[in-house]
């Protein structure tokens, strides 16, 4: 599965990918500050970005959603510009459900 469609995109798939991994990495570091964390392979889903991560040898799954809409919609500009997509998320942080 790829993040892009045959159409040109309003938001860069590369920027979306990098920013999402950064958000997941920072959240994991905040949740487990004294643990060894390794981000693994990612798997874009229909509505969110899913990434495997390992925390002190335990494999977990991280899931992150931009604006609660599909990744394809974000890429096509449904959430506005890239700056517009990032702004609401800068104020939001949710902890995992354990």
C-alpha atoms as a PDB file:
ATOM      1  CA  UNK A   1       0.000   0.000   0.000  1.00  0.00           C
ATOM      2  CA  UNK A   2       1.322   3.428  -0.830  1.00  0.00           C
ATOM      3  CA  UNK A   3       0.420   6.787   0.617  1.00  0.00           C
ATOM      4  CA  UNK A   4      -0.137   8.416  -2.737  1.00  0.00           C
ATOM      5  CA  UNK A   5      -2.722   8.081  -5.417  1.00  0.00           C
ATOM      6  CA  UNK A   6      -2.369   8.628  -9.133  1.00  0.00           C
ATOM      7  CA  UNK A   7      -3.284  12.272  -8.626  1.00  0.00           C
ATOM      8  CA  UNK A   8      -0.899  15.021  -7.590  1.00  0.00           C
ATOM      9  CA  UNK A   9      -0.887  15.629  -3.854  1.00  0.00           C
ATOM     10  CA  UNK A  10      -1.378  18.831  -1.864  1.00  0.00           C
ATOM     11  CA  UNK A  11       0.641  17.456   1.050  1.00  0.00           C
ATOM     12  CA  UNK A  12       3.953  15.700   0.557  1.00  0.00           C
ATOM     13  CA  UNK A  13       3.786  11.974   1.348  1.00  0.00           C
ATOM     14  CA  UNK A  14       7.434  12.142   2.404  1.00  0.00           C
ATOM     15  CA  UNK A  15       6.735  14.993   4.835  1.00  0.00           C
ATOM     16  CA  UNK A  16       3.677  13.193   6.205  1.00  0.00           C
ATOM     17  CA  UNK A  17       5.673   9.997   6.722  1.00  0.00           C
ATOM     18  CA  UNK A  18       8.598  11.755   8.435  1.00  0.00           C
ATOM     19  CA  UNK A  19       6.380  13.873  10.675  1.00  0.00           C
ATOM     20  CA  UNK A  20       4.312  10.878  11.737  1.00  0.00           C
ATOM     21  CA  UNK A  21       7.388   8.859  12.693  1.00  0.00           C
ATOM     22  CA  UNK A  22       8.654  11.850  14.645  1.00  0.00           C
ATOM     23  CA  UNK A  23       5.346  12.196  16.524  1.00  0.00           C
ATOM     24  CA  UNK A  24       5.343   8.484  17.376  1.00  0.00           C
ATOM     25  CA  UNK A  25       8.984   8.613  18.458  1.00  0.00           C
ATOM     26  CA  UNK A  26       8.427  11.621  20.731  1.00  0.00           C
ATOM     27  CA  UNK A  27       5.306  10.087  22.260  1.00  0.00           C
ATOM     28  CA  UNK A  28       7.162   6.843  22.998  1.00  0.00           C
ATOM     29  CA  UNK A  29      10.073   8.749  24.556  1.00  0.00           C
ATOM     30  CA  UNK A  30       7.630  10.696  26.743  1.00  0.00           C
ATOM     31  CA  UNK A  31       5.835   7.525  27.834  1.00  0.00           C
ATOM     32  CA  UNK A  32       8.925   5.416  28.441  1.00  0.00           C
ATOM     33  CA  UNK A  33      11.792   7.859  29.116  1.00  0.00           C
ATOM     34  CA  UNK A  34      14.178   5.283  30.603  1.00  0.00           C
ATOM     35  CA  UNK A  35      13.489   2.500  28.130  1.00  0.00           C
ATOM     36  CA  UNK A  36      15.253   1.568  24.910  1.00  0.00           C
ATOM     37  CA  UNK A  37      12.891   2.366  22.030  1.00  0.00           C
ATOM     38  CA  UNK A  38      13.255   1.307  18.401  1.00  0.00           C
ATOM     39  CA  UNK A  39      10.806   2.263  15.683  1.00  0.00           C
ATOM     40  CA  UNK A  40      10.117  -0.536  13.262  1.00  0.00           C
ATOM     41  CA  UNK A  41       8.370  -0.988   9.971  1.00  0.00           C
ATOM     42  CA  UNK A  42       5.393   1.229   9.231  1.00  0.00           C
ATOM     43  CA  UNK A  43       2.133   0.272   7.635  1.00  0.00           C
ATOM     44  CA  UNK A  44      -0.196   3.018   6.410  1.00  0.00           C
ATOM     45  CA  UNK A  45      -3.809   2.089   6.948  1.00  0.00           C
ATOM     46  CA  UNK A  46      -6.912   3.736   5.554  1.00  0.00           C
ATOM     47  CA  UNK A  47      -7.381   6.315   8.302  1.00  0.00           C
ATOM     48  CA  UNK A  48      -4.207   6.282  10.363  1.00  0.00           C
ATOM     49  CA  UNK A  49      -0.527   5.572  10.346  1.00  0.00           C
ATOM     50  CA  UNK A  50       0.481   2.323  12.062  1.00  0.00           C
ATOM     51  CA  UNK A  51       4.055   1.580  13.103  1.00  0.00           C
ATOM     52  CA  UNK A  52       5.663  -1.260  15.013  1.00  0.00           C
ATOM     53  CA  UNK A  53       7.955  -0.254  17.839  1.00  0.00           C
ATOM     54  CA  UNK A  54       9.981  -2.135  20.385  1.00  0.00           C
ATOM     55  CA  UNK A  55      10.220  -0.909  23.972  1.00  0.00           C
ATOM     56  CA  UNK A  56      12.870  -2.768  25.967  1.00  0.00           C
ATOM     57  CA  UNK A  57      12.375  -5.867  23.849  1.00  0.00           C
ATOM     58  CA  UNK A  58       8.562  -5.809  23.892  1.00  0.00           C
ATOM     59  CA  UNK A  59       6.940  -5.329  20.505  1.00  0.00           C
ATOM     60  CA  UNK A  60       4.100  -2.814  20.446  1.00  0.00           C
ATOM     61  CA  UNK A  61       1.988  -1.131  17.808  1.00  0.00           C
ATOM     62  CA  UNK A  62       1.689   2.648  17.580  1.00  0.00           C
ATOM     63  CA  UNK A  63      -1.212   4.236  15.744  1.00  0.00           C
ATOM     64  CA  UNK A  64      -1.449   7.908  14.816  1.00  0.00           C
ATOM     65  CA  UNK A  65      -4.190   9.738  12.956  1.00  0.00           C
ATOM     66  CA  UNK A  66      -3.928  13.150  11.344  1.00  0.00           C
ATOM     67  CA  UNK A  67      -7.133  15.171  11.785  1.00  0.00           C
ATOM     68  CA  UNK A  68      -9.213  11.996  12.095  1.00  0.00           C
ATOM     69  CA  UNK A  69      -9.462  11.657   8.328  1.00  0.00           C
ATOM     70  CA  UNK A  70      -7.974   9.267   5.792  1.00  0.00           C
ATOM     71  CA  UNK A  71      -4.356   9.633   4.757  1.00  0.00           C
ATOM     72  CA  UNK A  72      -5.378   9.927   1.106  1.00  0.00           C
ATOM     73  CA  UNK A  73      -7.698  12.825   2.006  1.00  0.00           C
ATOM     74  CA  UNK A  74      -4.845  14.561   3.826  1.00  0.00           C
ATOM     75  CA  UNK A  75      -2.572  14.088   0.814  1.00  0.00           C
ATOM     76  CA  UNK A  76      -5.225  15.492  -1.506  1.00  0.00           C
ATOM     77  CA  UNK A  77      -5.593  18.594   0.667  1.00  0.00           C
ATOM     78  CA  UNK A  78      -8.843  17.899   2.529  1.00  0.00           C
ATOM     79  CA  UNK A  79      -7.165  19.099   5.732  1.00  0.00           C
ATOM     80  CA  UNK A  80      -5.748  22.192   4.074  1.00  0.00           C
ATOM     81  CA  UNK A  81      -2.070  22.905   3.725  1.00  0.00           C
ATOM     82  CA  UNK A  82       0.621  20.882   5.453  1.00  0.00           C
ATOM     83  CA  UNK A  83       1.024  23.685   8.012  1.00  0.00           C
ATOM     84  CA  UNK A  84      -2.730  23.609   8.582  1.00  0.00           C
ATOM     85  CA  UNK A  85      -2.706  19.854   9.135  1.00  0.00           C
ATOM     86  CA  UNK A  86       0.087  20.074  11.676  1.00  0.00           C
ATOM     87  CA  UNK A  87      -1.282  22.978  13.720  1.00  0.00           C
ATOM     88  CA  UNK A  88      -4.198  21.223  15.491  1.00  0.00           C
ATOM     89  CA  UNK A  89      -2.006  18.240  16.369  1.00  0.00           C
ATOM     90  CA  UNK A  90       0.594  20.432  18.052  1.00  0.00           C
ATOM     91  CA  UNK A  91      -1.897  20.949  20.894  1.00  0.00           C
ATOM     92  CA  UNK A  92      -2.972  17.318  21.214  1.00  0.00           C
ATOM     93  CA  UNK A  93      -1.354  14.312  22.856  1.00  0.00           C
ATOM     94  CA  UNK A  94      -3.028  11.075  23.862  1.00  0.00           C
ATOM     95  CA  UNK A  95      -1.503   8.230  25.838  1.00  0.00           C
ATOM     96  CA  UNK A  96      -1.876   4.628  24.701  1.00  0.00           C
ATOM     97  CA  UNK A  97      -4.634   2.430  26.002  1.00  0.00           C
ATOM     98  CA  UNK A  98      -2.965  -0.368  27.933  1.00  0.00           C
END
